[in-house]
Amino acid sequence: MSRVKRSVHARKKRRATLERAKGYRGEAHSSYRRAKEALLKADSYAYRDRRNRKRDFRRLWITRINAAARREGMTYGQFMHGLRLAEIELDRKILADIAVRDPETFRRFAERAREAAAA
């Protein structure tokens, strides 16, 4: 079996790793070993936080809807329950955007929700 000389590929791999670690503090941007460790951490944080971002946005939307619903004299739960009974199918992202940008439309949704919950 013939011999494989790895120096070109090894150097290429190290250079790519150090390139990705540009801007890191201390040895993490210049030492291959430290850069590799830092990138492993960074990648795991990025993976975790892509999922956490969805959680954070949902919390923000619910907070905004709750604030707007309370201005209309109802709680978030009452508002969402009323919308479901009124068969208004809007997701929280859209409702939060309406609550912030167009209070008059949100007021109409709140009225419809209140009527549906009372019936």
PDB file of N, CA and C in Angstrom:
ATOM      1  N   MET A   1       0.847  -1.190   0.000  1.00  0.00           N
ATOM      2  CA  MET A   1       0.000   0.000   0.000  1.00  0.00           C
ATOM      3  C   MET A   1       0.887   1.245   0.000  1.00  0.00           C
ATOM      4  N   SER A   2       0.475   2.238  -0.774  1.00  0.00           N
ATOM      5  CA  SER A   2       1.283   3.445  -0.887  1.00  0.00           C
ATOM      6  C   SER A   2       1.105   4.351   0.318  1.00  0.00           C
ATOM      7  N   ARG A   3       2.093   5.181   0.522  1.00  0.00           N
ATOM      8  CA  ARG A   3       2.115   6.074   1.668  1.00  0.00           C
ATOM      9  C   ARG A   3       1.319   7.349   1.363  1.00  0.00           C
ATOM     10  N   VAL A   4       0.605   7.854   2.372  1.00  0.00           N
ATOM     11  CA  VAL A   4      -0.171   9.089   2.204  1.00  0.00           C
ATOM     12  C   VAL A   4       0.502  10.195   3.000  1.00  0.00           C
ATOM     13  N   LYS A   5       0.826  11.273   2.307  1.00  0.00           N
ATOM     14  CA  LYS A   5       1.438  12.415   2.994  1.00  0.00           C
ATOM     15  C   LYS A   5       0.334  13.441   3.232  1.00  0.00           C
ATOM     16  N   ARG A   6       0.106  13.808   4.506  1.00  0.00           N
ATOM     17  CA  ARG A   6      -1.061  14.595   4.888  1.00  0.00           C
ATOM     18  C   ARG A   6      -0.800  16.083   5.102  1.00  0.00           C
ATOM     19  N   SER A   7       0.411  16.524   4.935  1.00  0.00           N
ATOM     20  CA  SER A   7       0.719  17.878   5.394  1.00  0.00           C
ATOM     21  C   SER A   7      -0.130  18.952   4.707  1.00  0.00           C
ATOM     22  N   VAL A   8      -0.409  18.818   3.425  1.00  0.00           N
ATOM     23  CA  VAL A   8      -1.182  19.852   2.721  1.00  0.00           C
ATOM     24  C   VAL A   8      -2.589  19.936   3.292  1.00  0.00           C
ATOM     25  N   HIS A   9      -3.244  18.787   3.463  1.00  0.00           N
ATOM     26  CA  HIS A   9      -4.619  18.785   3.979  1.00  0.00           C
ATOM     27  C   HIS A   9      -4.670  19.204   5.438  1.00  0.00           C
ATOM     28  N   ALA A  10      -3.686  18.777   6.215  1.00  0.00           N
ATOM     29  CA  ALA A  10      -3.659  19.146   7.636  1.00  0.00           C
ATOM     30  C   ALA A  10      -3.523  20.661   7.776  1.00  0.00           C
ATOM     31  N   ARG A  11      -2.627  21.250   6.966  1.00  0.00           N
ATOM     32  CA  ARG A  11      -2.424  22.693   7.028  1.00  0.00           C
ATOM     33  C   ARG A  11      -3.684  23.437   6.587  1.00  0.00           C
ATOM     34  N   LYS A  12      -4.325  22.901   5.538  1.00  0.00           N
ATOM     35  CA  LYS A  12      -5.549  23.519   5.036  1.00  0.00           C
ATOM     36  C   LYS A  12      -6.643  23.509   6.107  1.00  0.00           C
ATOM     37  N   LYS A  13      -6.755  22.381   6.819  1.00  0.00           N
ATOM     38  CA  LYS A  13      -7.761  22.252   7.875  1.00  0.00           C
ATOM     39  C   LYS A  13      -7.480  23.236   9.010  1.00  0.00           C
ATOM     40  N   ARG A  14      -6.198  23.331   9.399  1.00  0.00           N
ATOM     41  CA  ARG A  14      -5.831  24.251  10.488  1.00  0.00           C
ATOM     42  C   ARG A  14      -6.074  25.698  10.083  1.00  0.00           C
ATOM     43  N   ARG A  15      -5.719  26.017   8.846  1.00  0.00           N
ATOM     44  CA  ARG A  15      -5.908  27.392   8.369  1.00  0.00           C
ATOM     45  C   ARG A  15      -7.405  27.752   8.355  1.00  0.00           C
ATOM     46  N   ALA A  16      -8.244  26.807   7.939  1.00  0.00           N
ATOM     47  CA  ALA A  16      -9.690  27.053   7.899  1.00  0.00           C
ATOM     48  C   ALA A  16     -10.239  27.259   9.312  1.00  0.00           C
ATOM     49  N   THR A  17      -9.740  26.465  10.259  1.00  0.00           N
ATOM     50  CA  THR A  17     -10.183  26.599  11.649  1.00  0.00           C
ATOM     51  C   THR A  17      -9.784  27.956  12.203  1.00  0.00           C
ATOM     52  N   LEU A  18      -8.539  28.361  11.985  1.00  0.00           N
ATOM     53  CA  LEU A  18      -8.069  29.656  12.485  1.00  0.00           C
ATOM     54  C   LEU A  18      -8.802  30.810  11.797  1.00  0.00           C
ATOM     55  N   GLU A  19      -9.161  30.609  10.536  1.00  0.00           N
ATOM     56  CA  GLU A  19      -9.915  31.633   9.809  1.00  0.00           C
ATOM     57  C   GLU A  19     -11.296  31.837  10.453  1.00  0.00           C
ATOM     58  N   ARG A  20     -11.943  30.739  10.838  1.00  0.00           N
ATOM     59  CA  ARG A  20     -13.257  30.815  11.482  1.00  0.00           C
ATOM     60  C   ARG A  20     -13.170  31.439  12.868  1.00  0.00           C
ATOM     61  N   ALA A  21     -11.999  31.333  13.516  1.00  0.00           N
ATOM     62  CA  ALA A  21     -11.837  31.827  14.887  1.00  0.00           C
ATOM     63  C   ALA A  21     -11.327  33.266  14.930  1.00  0.00           C
ATOM     64  N   LYS A  22     -11.302  33.930  13.789  1.00  0.00           N
ATOM     65  CA  LYS A  22     -10.852  35.327  13.748  1.00  0.00           C
ATOM     66  C   LYS A  22     -11.731  36.176  14.655  1.00  0.00           C
ATOM     67  N   GLY A  23     -11.101  37.033  15.449  1.00  0.00           N
ATOM     68  CA  GLY A  23     -11.847  37.912  16.330  1.00  0.00           C
ATOM     69  C   GLY A  23     -12.063  37.349  17.723  1.00  0.00           C
ATOM     70  N   TYR A  24     -11.684  36.087  17.936  1.00  0.00           N
ATOM     71  CA  TYR A  24     -11.808  35.513  19.280  1.00  0.00           C
ATOM     72  C   TYR A  24     -10.708  36.078  20.154  1.00  0.00           C
ATOM     73  N   ARG A  25     -10.930  36.072  21.476  1.00  0.00           N
ATOM     74  CA  ARG A  25      -9.981  36.666  22.413  1.00  0.00           C
ATOM     75  C   ARG A  25      -8.848  35.722  22.753  1.00  0.00           C
ATOM     76  N   GLY A  26      -7.722  36.304  23.115  1.00  0.00           N
ATOM     77  CA  GLY A  26      -6.582  35.532  23.612  1.00  0.00           C
ATOM     78  C   GLY A  26      -6.028  34.573  22.577  1.00  0.00           C
ATOM     79  N   GLU A  27      -5.627  33.395  23.052  1.00  0.00           N
ATOM     80  CA  GLU A  27      -5.037  32.401  22.153  1.00  0.00           C
ATOM     81  C   GLU A  27      -6.071  31.781  21.225  1.00  0.00           C
ATOM     82  N   ALA A  28      -7.344  31.985  21.497  1.00  0.00           N
ATOM     83  CA  ALA A  28      -8.398  31.323  20.735  1.00  0.00           C
ATOM     84  C   ALA A  28      -8.403  31.727  19.259  1.00  0.00           C
ATOM     85  N   HIS A  29      -7.745  32.823  18.907  1.00  0.00           N
ATOM     86  CA  HIS A  29      -7.695  33.205  17.496  1.00  0.00           C
ATOM     87  C   HIS A  29      -6.362  32.868  16.844  1.00  0.00           C
ATOM     88  N   SER A  30      -5.389  32.422  17.647  1.00  0.00           N
ATOM     89  CA  SER A  30      -4.072  32.180  17.061  1.00  0.00           C
ATOM     90  C   SER A  30      -3.564  30.767  17.281  1.00  0.00           C
ATOM     91  N   SER A  31      -3.962  30.119  18.348  1.00  0.00           N
ATOM     92  CA  SER A  31      -3.521  28.759  18.634  1.00  0.00           C
ATOM     93  C   SER A  31      -4.559  27.784  18.091  1.00  0.00           C
ATOM     94  N   TYR A  32      -4.107  26.818  17.288  1.00  0.00           N
ATOM     95  CA  TYR A  32      -5.041  25.888  16.660  1.00  0.00           C
ATOM     96  C   TYR A  32      -5.844  25.127  17.704  1.00  0.00           C
ATOM     97  N   ARG A  33      -5.164  24.645  18.729  1.00  0.00           N
ATOM     98  CA  ARG A  33      -5.859  23.854  19.749  1.00  0.00           C
ATOM     99  C   ARG A  33      -6.938  24.685  20.445  1.00  0.00           C
ATOM    100  N   ARG A  34      -6.583  25.897  20.865  1.00  0.00           N
ATOM    101  CA  ARG A  34      -7.556  26.760  21.547  1.00  0.00           C
ATOM    102  C   ARG A  34      -8.687  27.181  20.588  1.00  0.00           C
ATOM    103  N   ALA A  35      -8.329  27.435  19.340  1.00  0.00           N
ATOM    104  CA  ALA A  35      -9.340  27.834  18.357  1.00  0.00           C
ATOM    105  C   ALA A  35     -10.333  26.698  18.127  1.00  0.00           C
ATOM    106  N   LYS A  36      -9.835  25.486  18.044  1.00  0.00           N
ATOM    107  CA  LYS A  36     -10.706  24.328  17.825  1.00  0.00           C
ATOM    108  C   LYS A  36     -11.682  24.170  18.994  1.00  0.00           C
ATOM    109  N   GLU A  37     -11.171  24.324  20.227  1.00  0.00           N
ATOM    110  CA  GLU A  37     -12.035  24.230  21.412  1.00  0.00           C
ATOM    111  C   GLU A  37     -13.084  25.344  21.408  1.00  0.00           C
ATOM    112  N   ALA A  38     -12.652  26.553  21.081  1.00  0.00           N
ATOM    113  CA  ALA A  38     -13.566  27.698  21.071  1.00  0.00           C
ATOM    114  C   ALA A  38     -14.658  27.509  20.017  1.00  0.00           C
ATOM    115  N   LEU A  39     -14.287  26.958  18.862  1.00  0.00           N
ATOM    116  CA  LEU A  39     -15.267  26.744  17.801  1.00  0.00           C
ATOM    117  C   LEU A  39     -16.264  25.658  18.179  1.00  0.00           C
ATOM    118  N   LEU A  40     -15.805  24.632  18.884  1.00  0.00           N
ATOM    119  CA  LEU A  40     -16.734  23.593  19.350  1.00  0.00           C
ATOM    120  C   LEU A  40     -17.781  24.206  20.270  1.00  0.00           C
ATOM    121  N   LYS A  41     -17.324  25.055  21.199  1.00  0.00           N
ATOM    122  CA  LYS A  41     -18.242  25.736  22.108  1.00  0.00           C
ATOM    123  C   LYS A  41     -19.187  26.654  21.327  1.00  0.00           C
ATOM    124  N   ALA A  42     -18.608  27.440  20.422  1.00  0.00           N
ATOM    125  CA  ALA A  42     -19.396  28.411  19.662  1.00  0.00           C
ATOM    126  C   ALA A  42     -20.481  27.708  18.854  1.00  0.00           C
ATOM    127  N   ASP A  43     -20.128  26.587  18.232  1.00  0.00           N
ATOM    128  CA  ASP A  43     -21.101  25.851  17.421  1.00  0.00           C
ATOM    129  C   ASP A  43     -22.216  25.278  18.288  1.00  0.00           C
ATOM    130  N   SER A  44     -21.866  24.781  19.472  1.00  0.00           N
ATOM    131  CA  SER A  44     -22.911  24.219  20.337  1.00  0.00           C
ATOM    132  C   SER A  44     -23.824  25.323  20.862  1.00  0.00           C
ATOM    133  N   TYR A  45     -23.252  26.497  21.174  1.00  0.00           N
ATOM    134  CA  TYR A  45     -24.074  27.625  21.611  1.00  0.00           C
ATOM    135  C   TYR A  45     -25.006  28.084  20.480  1.00  0.00           C
ATOM    136  N   ALA A  46     -24.476  28.128  19.266  1.00  0.00           N
ATOM    137  CA  ALA A  46     -25.276  28.580  18.125  1.00  0.00           C
ATOM    138  C   ALA A  46     -26.445  27.631  17.892  1.00  0.00           C
ATOM    139  N   TYR A  47     -26.182  26.325  17.982  1.00  0.00           N
ATOM    140  CA  TYR A  47     -27.232  25.322  17.787  1.00  0.00           C
ATOM    141  C   TYR A  47     -28.312  25.482  18.854  1.00  0.00           C
ATOM    142  N   ARG A  48     -27.878  25.594  20.117  1.00  0.00           N
ATOM    143  CA  ARG A  48     -28.809  25.741  21.236  1.00  0.00           C
ATOM    144  C   ARG A  48     -29.638  27.030  21.086  1.00  0.00           C
ATOM    145  N   ASP A  49     -28.969  28.116  20.750  1.00  0.00           N
ATOM    146  CA  ASP A  49     -29.637  29.411  20.751  1.00  0.00           C
ATOM    147  C   ASP A  49     -30.525  29.636  19.536  1.00  0.00           C
ATOM    148  N   ARG A  50     -30.309  28.868  18.454  1.00  0.00           N
ATOM    149  CA  ARG A  50     -31.266  28.941  17.349  1.00  0.00           C
ATOM    150  C   ARG A  50     -32.624  28.433  17.815  1.00  0.00           C
ATOM    151  N   ARG A  51     -32.620  27.463  18.713  1.00  0.00           N
ATOM    152  CA  ARG A  51     -33.869  26.956  19.258  1.00  0.00           C
ATOM    153  C   ARG A  51     -34.422  27.899  20.320  1.00  0.00           C
ATOM    154  N   ASN A  52     -33.537  28.463  21.138  1.00  0.00           N
ATOM    155  CA  ASN A  52     -33.988  29.389  22.187  1.00  0.00           C
ATOM    156  C   ASN A  52     -34.582  30.666  21.605  1.00  0.00           C
ATOM    157  N   ARG A  53     -34.101  31.079  20.419  1.00  0.00           N
ATOM    158  CA  ARG A  53     -34.620  32.299  19.800  1.00  0.00           C
ATOM    159  C   ARG A  53     -36.117  32.159  19.535  1.00  0.00           C
ATOM    160  N   LYS A  54     -36.537  30.975  19.098  1.00  0.00           N
ATOM    161  CA  LYS A  54     -37.964  30.738  18.837  1.00  0.00           C
ATOM    162  C   LYS A  54     -38.764  30.880  20.132  1.00  0.00           C
ATOM    163  N   ARG A  55     -38.211  30.339  21.215  1.00  0.00           N
ATOM    164  CA  ARG A  55     -38.848  30.429  22.533  1.00  0.00           C
ATOM    165  C   ARG A  55     -38.955  31.893  22.965  1.00  0.00           C
ATOM    166  N   ASP A  56     -37.872  32.646  22.781  1.00  0.00           N
ATOM    167  CA  ASP A  56     -37.846  34.051  23.206  1.00  0.00           C
ATOM    168  C   ASP A  56     -38.858  34.896  22.435  1.00  0.00           C
ATOM    169  N   PHE A  57     -38.938  34.654  21.116  1.00  0.00           N
ATOM    170  CA  PHE A  57     -39.883  35.429  20.323  1.00  0.00           C
ATOM    171  C   PHE A  57     -41.314  35.116  20.713  1.00  0.00           C
ATOM    172  N   ARG A  58     -41.621  33.845  20.967  1.00  0.00           N
ATOM    173  CA  ARG A  58     -42.976  33.492  21.384  1.00  0.00           C
ATOM    174  C   ARG A  58     -43.341  34.206  22.689  1.00  0.00           C
ATOM    175  N   ARG A  59     -42.389  34.246  23.651  1.00  0.00           N
ATOM    176  CA  ARG A  59     -42.634  34.964  24.912  1.00  0.00           C
ATOM    177  C   ARG A  59     -42.903  36.437  24.659  1.00  0.00           C
ATOM    178  N   LEU A  60     -42.138  37.049  23.750  1.00  0.00           N
ATOM    179  CA  LEU A  60     -42.321  38.464  23.426  1.00  0.00           C
ATOM    180  C   LEU A  60     -43.702  38.710  22.824  1.00  0.00           C
ATOM    181  N   TRP A  61     -44.107  37.837  21.875  1.00  0.00           N
ATOM    182  CA  TRP A  61     -45.415  38.007  21.237  1.00  0.00           C
ATOM    183  C   TRP A  61     -46.531  37.897  22.263  1.00  0.00           C
ATOM    184  N   ILE A  62     -46.424  36.908  23.164  1.00  0.00           N
ATOM    185  CA  ILE A  62     -47.466  36.715  24.171  1.00  0.00           C
ATOM    186  C   ILE A  62     -47.543  37.924  25.098  1.00  0.00           C
ATOM    187  N   THR A  63     -46.374  38.471  25.464  1.00  0.00           N
ATOM    188  CA  THR A  63     -46.351  39.667  26.325  1.00  0.00           C
ATOM    189  C   THR A  63     -47.035  40.843  25.641  1.00  0.00           C
ATOM    190  N   ARG A  64     -46.769  41.035  24.363  1.00  0.00           N
ATOM    191  CA  ARG A  64     -47.375  42.150  23.629  1.00  0.00           C
ATOM    192  C   ARG A  64     -48.884  41.981  23.489  1.00  0.00           C
ATOM    193  N   ILE A  65     -49.304  40.759  23.184  1.00  0.00           N
ATOM    194  CA  ILE A  65     -50.742  40.501  23.049  1.00  0.00           C
ATOM    195  C   ILE A  65     -51.433  40.714  24.391  1.00  0.00           C
ATOM    196  N   ASN A  66     -50.804  40.242  25.464  1.00  0.00           N
ATOM    197  CA  ASN A  66     -51.373  40.388  26.806  1.00  0.00           C
ATOM    198  C   ASN A  66     -51.542  41.869  27.161  1.00  0.00           C
ATOM    199  N   ALA A  67     -50.520  42.676  26.874  1.00  0.00           N
ATOM    200  CA  ALA A  67     -50.590  44.114  27.188  1.00  0.00           C
ATOM    201  C   ALA A  67     -51.735  44.773  26.415  1.00  0.00           C
ATOM    202  N   ALA A  68     -51.866  44.431  25.145  1.00  0.00           N
ATOM    203  CA  ALA A  68     -52.925  45.031  24.325  1.00  0.00           C
ATOM    204  C   ALA A  68     -54.302  44.533  24.773  1.00  0.00           C
ATOM    205  N   ALA A  69     -54.380  43.256  25.142  1.00  0.00           N
ATOM    206  CA  ALA A  69     -55.664  42.704  25.590  1.00  0.00           C
ATOM    207  C   ALA A  69     -56.095  43.349  26.903  1.00  0.00           C
ATOM    208  N   ARG A  70     -55.160  43.600  27.788  1.00  0.00           N
ATOM    209  CA  ARG A  70     -55.492  44.229  29.078  1.00  0.00           C
ATOM    210  C   ARG A  70     -55.960  45.669  28.881  1.00  0.00           C
ATOM    211  N   ARG A  71     -55.456  46.349  27.853  1.00  0.00           N
ATOM    212  CA  ARG A  71     -55.965  47.689  27.528  1.00  0.00           C
ATOM    213  C   ARG A  71     -57.438  47.622  27.140  1.00  0.00           C
ATOM    214  N   GLU A  72     -57.825  46.464  26.566  1.00  0.00           N
ATOM    215  CA  GLU A  72     -59.222  46.256  26.162  1.00  0.00           C
ATOM    216  C   GLU A  72     -60.052  45.632  27.275  1.00  0.00           C
ATOM    217  N   GLY A  73     -59.452  45.434  28.462  1.00  0.00           N
ATOM    218  CA  GLY A  73     -60.190  44.955  29.617  1.00  0.00           C
ATOM    219  C   GLY A  73     -60.331  43.445  29.694  1.00  0.00           C
ATOM    220  N   MET A  74     -59.415  42.708  29.072  1.00  0.00           N
ATOM    221  CA  MET A  74     -59.450  41.249  29.175  1.00  0.00           C
ATOM    222  C   MET A  74     -58.033  40.703  29.307  1.00  0.00           C
ATOM    223  N   THR A  75     -57.927  39.468  29.794  1.00  0.00           N
ATOM    224  CA  THR A  75     -56.607  38.865  29.940  1.00  0.00           C
ATOM    225  C   THR A  75     -56.209  38.194  28.631  1.00  0.00           C
ATOM    226  N   TYR A  76     -54.946  37.801  28.564  1.00  0.00           N
ATOM    227  CA  TYR A  76     -54.438  37.087  27.382  1.00  0.00           C
ATOM    228  C   TYR A  76     -55.231  35.808  27.154  1.00  0.00           C
ATOM    229  N   GLY A  77     -55.461  35.050  28.230  1.00  0.00           N
ATOM    230  CA  GLY A  77     -56.172  33.774  28.113  1.00  0.00           C
ATOM    231  C   GLY A  77     -57.603  33.958  27.635  1.00  0.00           C
ATOM    232  N   GLN A  78     -58.276  34.945  28.187  1.00  0.00           N
ATOM    233  CA  GLN A  78     -59.659  35.229  27.765  1.00  0.00           C
ATOM    234  C   GLN A  78     -59.696  35.647  26.290  1.00  0.00           C
ATOM    235  N   PHE A  79     -58.728  36.473  25.901  1.00  0.00           N
ATOM    236  CA  PHE A  79     -58.659  36.961  24.522  1.00  0.00           C
ATOM    237  C   PHE A  79     -58.436  35.807  23.555  1.00  0.00           C
ATOM    238  N   MET A  80     -57.456  34.956  23.842  1.00  0.00           N
ATOM    239  CA  MET A  80     -57.140  33.842  22.940  1.00  0.00           C
ATOM    240  C   MET A  80     -58.298  32.844  22.888  1.00  0.00           C
ATOM    241  N   HIS A  81     -58.936  32.603  24.033  1.00  0.00           N
ATOM    242  CA  HIS A  81     -60.076  31.689  24.067  1.00  0.00           C
ATOM    243  C   HIS A  81     -61.224  32.251  23.224  1.00  0.00           C
ATOM    244  N   GLY A  82     -61.485  33.548  23.371  1.00  0.00           N
ATOM    245  CA  GLY A  82     -62.535  34.194  22.587  1.00  0.00           C
ATOM    246  C   GLY A  82     -62.248  34.135  21.092  1.00  0.00           C
ATOM    247  N   LEU A  83     -60.996  34.332  20.710  1.00  0.00           N
ATOM    248  CA  LEU A  83     -60.636  34.250  19.285  1.00  0.00           C
ATOM    249  C   LEU A  83     -60.895  32.851  18.748  1.00  0.00           C
ATOM    250  N   ARG A  84     -60.554  31.849  19.551  1.00  0.00           N
ATOM    251  CA  ARG A  84     -60.759  30.462  19.105  1.00  0.00           C
ATOM    252  C   ARG A  84     -62.254  30.178  18.930  1.00  0.00           C
ATOM    253  N   LEU A  85     -63.059  30.660  19.879  1.00  0.00           N
ATOM    254  CA  LEU A  85     -64.507  30.457  19.774  1.00  0.00           C
ATOM    255  C   LEU A  85     -65.091  31.220  18.576  1.00  0.00           C
ATOM    256  N   ALA A  86     -64.515  32.393  18.284  1.00  0.00           N
ATOM    257  CA  ALA A  86     -64.983  33.198  17.153  1.00  0.00           C
ATOM    258  C   ALA A  86     -64.433  32.676  15.826  1.00  0.00           C
ATOM    259  N   GLU A  87     -63.634  31.621  15.899  1.00  0.00           N
ATOM    260  CA  GLU A  87     -63.011  31.002  14.713  1.00  0.00           C
ATOM    261  C   GLU A  87     -62.146  31.980  13.929  1.00  0.00           C
ATOM    262  N   ILE A  88     -61.424  32.809  14.667  1.00  0.00           N
ATOM    263  CA  ILE A  88     -60.426  33.703  14.064  1.00  0.00           C
ATOM    264  C   ILE A  88     -59.077  33.032  14.239  1.00  0.00           C
ATOM    265  N   GLU A  89     -58.481  32.614  13.141  1.00  0.00           N
ATOM    266  CA  GLU A  89     -57.239  31.845  13.206  1.00  0.00           C
ATOM    267  C   GLU A  89     -56.055  32.718  12.775  1.00  0.00           C
ATOM    268  N   LEU A  90     -55.509  33.436  13.731  1.00  0.00           N
ATOM    269  CA  LEU A  90     -54.291  34.220  13.499  1.00  0.00           C
ATOM    270  C   LEU A  90     -53.242  33.752  14.497  1.00  0.00           C
ATOM    271  N   ASP A  91     -52.017  33.633  14.041  1.00  0.00           N
ATOM    272  CA  ASP A  91     -50.975  33.183  14.969  1.00  0.00           C
ATOM    273  C   ASP A  91     -50.494  34.347  15.833  1.00  0.00           C
ATOM    274  N   ARG A  92     -49.729  34.020  16.865  1.00  0.00           N
ATOM    275  CA  ARG A  92     -49.311  35.015  17.846  1.00  0.00           C
ATOM    276  C   ARG A  92     -48.404  36.078  17.237  1.00  0.00           C
ATOM    277  N   LYS A  93     -47.611  35.694  16.263  1.00  0.00           N
ATOM    278  CA  LYS A  93     -46.705  36.657  15.617  1.00  0.00           C
ATOM    279  C   LYS A  93     -47.519  37.773  14.952  1.00  0.00           C
ATOM    280  N   ILE A  94     -48.548  37.400  14.214  1.00  0.00           N
ATOM    281  CA  ILE A  94     -49.382  38.383  13.511  1.00  0.00           C
ATOM    282  C   ILE A  94     -50.180  39.217  14.510  1.00  0.00           C
ATOM    283  N   LEU A  95     -50.753  38.546  15.522  1.00  0.00           N
ATOM    284  CA  LEU A  95     -51.528  39.271  16.534  1.00  0.00           C
ATOM    285  C   LEU A  95     -50.672  40.307  17.264  1.00  0.00           C
ATOM    286  N   ALA A  96     -49.432  39.922  17.600  1.00  0.00           N
ATOM    287  CA  ALA A  96     -48.535  40.854  18.292  1.00  0.00           C
ATOM    288  C   ALA A  96     -48.209  42.042  17.399  1.00  0.00           C
ATOM    289  N   ASP A  97     -48.012  41.789  16.112  1.00  0.00           N
ATOM    290  CA  ASP A  97     -47.716  42.873  15.173  1.00  0.00           C
ATOM    291  C   ASP A  97     -48.914  43.816  15.060  1.00  0.00           C
ATOM    292  N   ILE A  98     -50.117  43.256  14.991  1.00  0.00           N
ATOM    293  CA  ILE A  98     -51.330  44.082  14.932  1.00  0.00           C
ATOM    294  C   ILE A  98     -51.481  44.889  16.218  1.00  0.00           C
ATOM    295  N   ALA A  99     -51.197  44.254  17.359  1.00  0.00           N
ATOM    296  CA  ALA A  99     -51.327  44.938  18.652  1.00  0.00           C
ATOM    297  C   ALA A  99     -50.418  46.162  18.723  1.00  0.00           C
ATOM    298  N   VAL A 100     -49.218  46.048  18.148  1.00  0.00           N
ATOM    299  CA  VAL A 100     -48.246  47.146  18.211  1.00  0.00           C
ATOM    300  C   VAL A 100     -48.549  48.214  17.155  1.00  0.00           C
ATOM    301  N   ARG A 101     -48.843  47.788  15.922  1.00  0.00           N
ATOM    302  CA  ARG A 101     -48.944  48.728  14.807  1.00  0.00           C
ATOM    303  C   ARG A 101     -50.353  49.291  14.570  1.00  0.00           C
ATOM    304  N   ASP A 102     -51.377  48.503  14.918  1.00  0.00           N
ATOM    305  CA  ASP A 102     -52.738  48.915  14.562  1.00  0.00           C
ATOM    306  C   ASP A 102     -53.705  48.638  15.715  1.00  0.00           C
ATOM    307  N   PRO A 103     -53.708  49.493  16.748  1.00  0.00           N
ATOM    308  CA  PRO A 103     -54.559  49.253  17.918  1.00  0.00           C
ATOM    309  C   PRO A 103     -56.054  49.185  17.592  1.00  0.00           C
ATOM    310  N   GLU A 104     -56.492  49.900  16.568  1.00  0.00           N
ATOM    311  CA  GLU A 104     -57.917  49.899  16.209  1.00  0.00           C
ATOM    312  C   GLU A 104     -58.361  48.513  15.711  1.00  0.00           C
ATOM    313  N   THR A 105     -57.576  47.903  14.875  1.00  0.00           N
ATOM    314  CA  THR A 105     -57.880  46.542  14.410  1.00  0.00           C
ATOM    315  C   THR A 105     -57.864  45.569  15.571  1.00  0.00           C
ATOM    316  N   PHE A 106     -56.888  45.730  16.465  1.00  0.00           N
ATOM    317  CA  PHE A 106     -56.825  44.845  17.636  1.00  0.00           C
ATOM    318  C   PHE A 106     -58.069  45.024  18.502  1.00  0.00           C
ATOM    319  N   ARG A 107     -58.552  46.260  18.606  1.00  0.00           N
ATOM    320  CA  ARG A 107     -59.753  46.527  19.389  1.00  0.00           C
ATOM    321  C   ARG A 107     -60.944  45.774  18.800  1.00  0.00           C
ATOM    322  N   ARG A 108     -61.033  45.735  17.463  1.00  0.00           N
ATOM    323  CA  ARG A 108     -62.127  44.992  16.815  1.00  0.00           C
ATOM    324  C   ARG A 108     -62.008  43.496  17.083  1.00  0.00           C
ATOM    325  N   PHE A 109     -60.777  42.976  17.055  1.00  0.00           N
ATOM    326  CA  PHE A 109     -60.569  41.559  17.388  1.00  0.00           C
ATOM    327  C   PHE A 109     -60.992  41.277  18.825  1.00  0.00           C
ATOM    328  N   ALA A 110     -60.666  42.200  19.729  1.00  0.00           N
ATOM    329  CA  ALA A 110     -61.023  42.023  21.135  1.00  0.00           C
ATOM    330  C   ALA A 110     -62.539  42.011  21.304  1.00  0.00           C
ATOM    331  N   GLU A 111     -63.231  42.875  20.571  1.00  0.00           N
ATOM    332  CA  GLU A 111     -64.701  42.897  20.636  1.00  0.00           C
ATOM    333  C   GLU A 111     -65.280  41.575  20.153  1.00  0.00           C
ATOM    334  N   ARG A 112     -64.771  41.077  19.031  1.00  0.00           N
ATOM    335  CA  ARG A 112     -65.250  39.794  18.490  1.00  0.00           C
ATOM    336  C   ARG A 112     -64.984  38.666  19.486  1.00  0.00           C
ATOM    337  N   ALA A 113     -63.814  38.697  20.115  1.00  0.00           N
ATOM    338  CA  ALA A 113     -63.456  37.662  21.099  1.00  0.00           C
ATOM    339  C   ALA A 113     -64.377  37.743  22.301  1.00  0.00           C
ATOM    340  N   ARG A 114     -64.682  38.958  22.756  1.00  0.00           N
ATOM    341  CA  ARG A 114     -65.551  39.138  23.898  1.00  0.00           C
ATOM    342  C   ARG A 114     -66.976  38.637  23.609  1.00  0.00           C
ATOM    343  N   GLU A 115     -67.476  38.958  22.413  1.00  0.00           N
ATOM    344  CA  GLU A 115     -68.798  38.514  22.026  1.00  0.00           C
ATOM    345  C   GLU A 115     -68.882  36.995  21.932  1.00  0.00           C
ATOM    346  N   ALA A 116     -67.848  36.376  21.354  1.00  0.00           N
ATOM    347  CA  ALA A 116     -67.838  34.918  21.187  1.00  0.00           C
ATOM    348  C   ALA A 116     -67.753  34.209  22.536  1.00  0.00           C
ATOM    349  N   ALA A 117     -66.987  34.788  23.455  1.00  0.00           N
ATOM    350  CA  ALA A 117     -66.843  34.171  24.781  1.00  0.00           C
ATOM    351  C   ALA A 117     -68.125  34.316  25.580  1.00  0.00           C
ATOM    352  N   ALA A 118     -68.852  35.421  25.379  1.00  0.00           N
ATOM    353  CA  ALA A 118     -70.097  35.648  26.120  1.00  0.00           C
ATOM    354  C   ALA A 118     -71.229  34.753  25.600  1.00  0.00           C
ATOM    355  N   ALA A 119     -71.203  34.431  24.335  1.00  0.00           N
ATOM    356  CA  ALA A 119     -72.284  33.631  23.731  1.00  0.00           C
ATOM    357  C   ALA A 119     -72.226  32.165  24.095  1.00  0.00           C
TER     358      ALA A 119
END
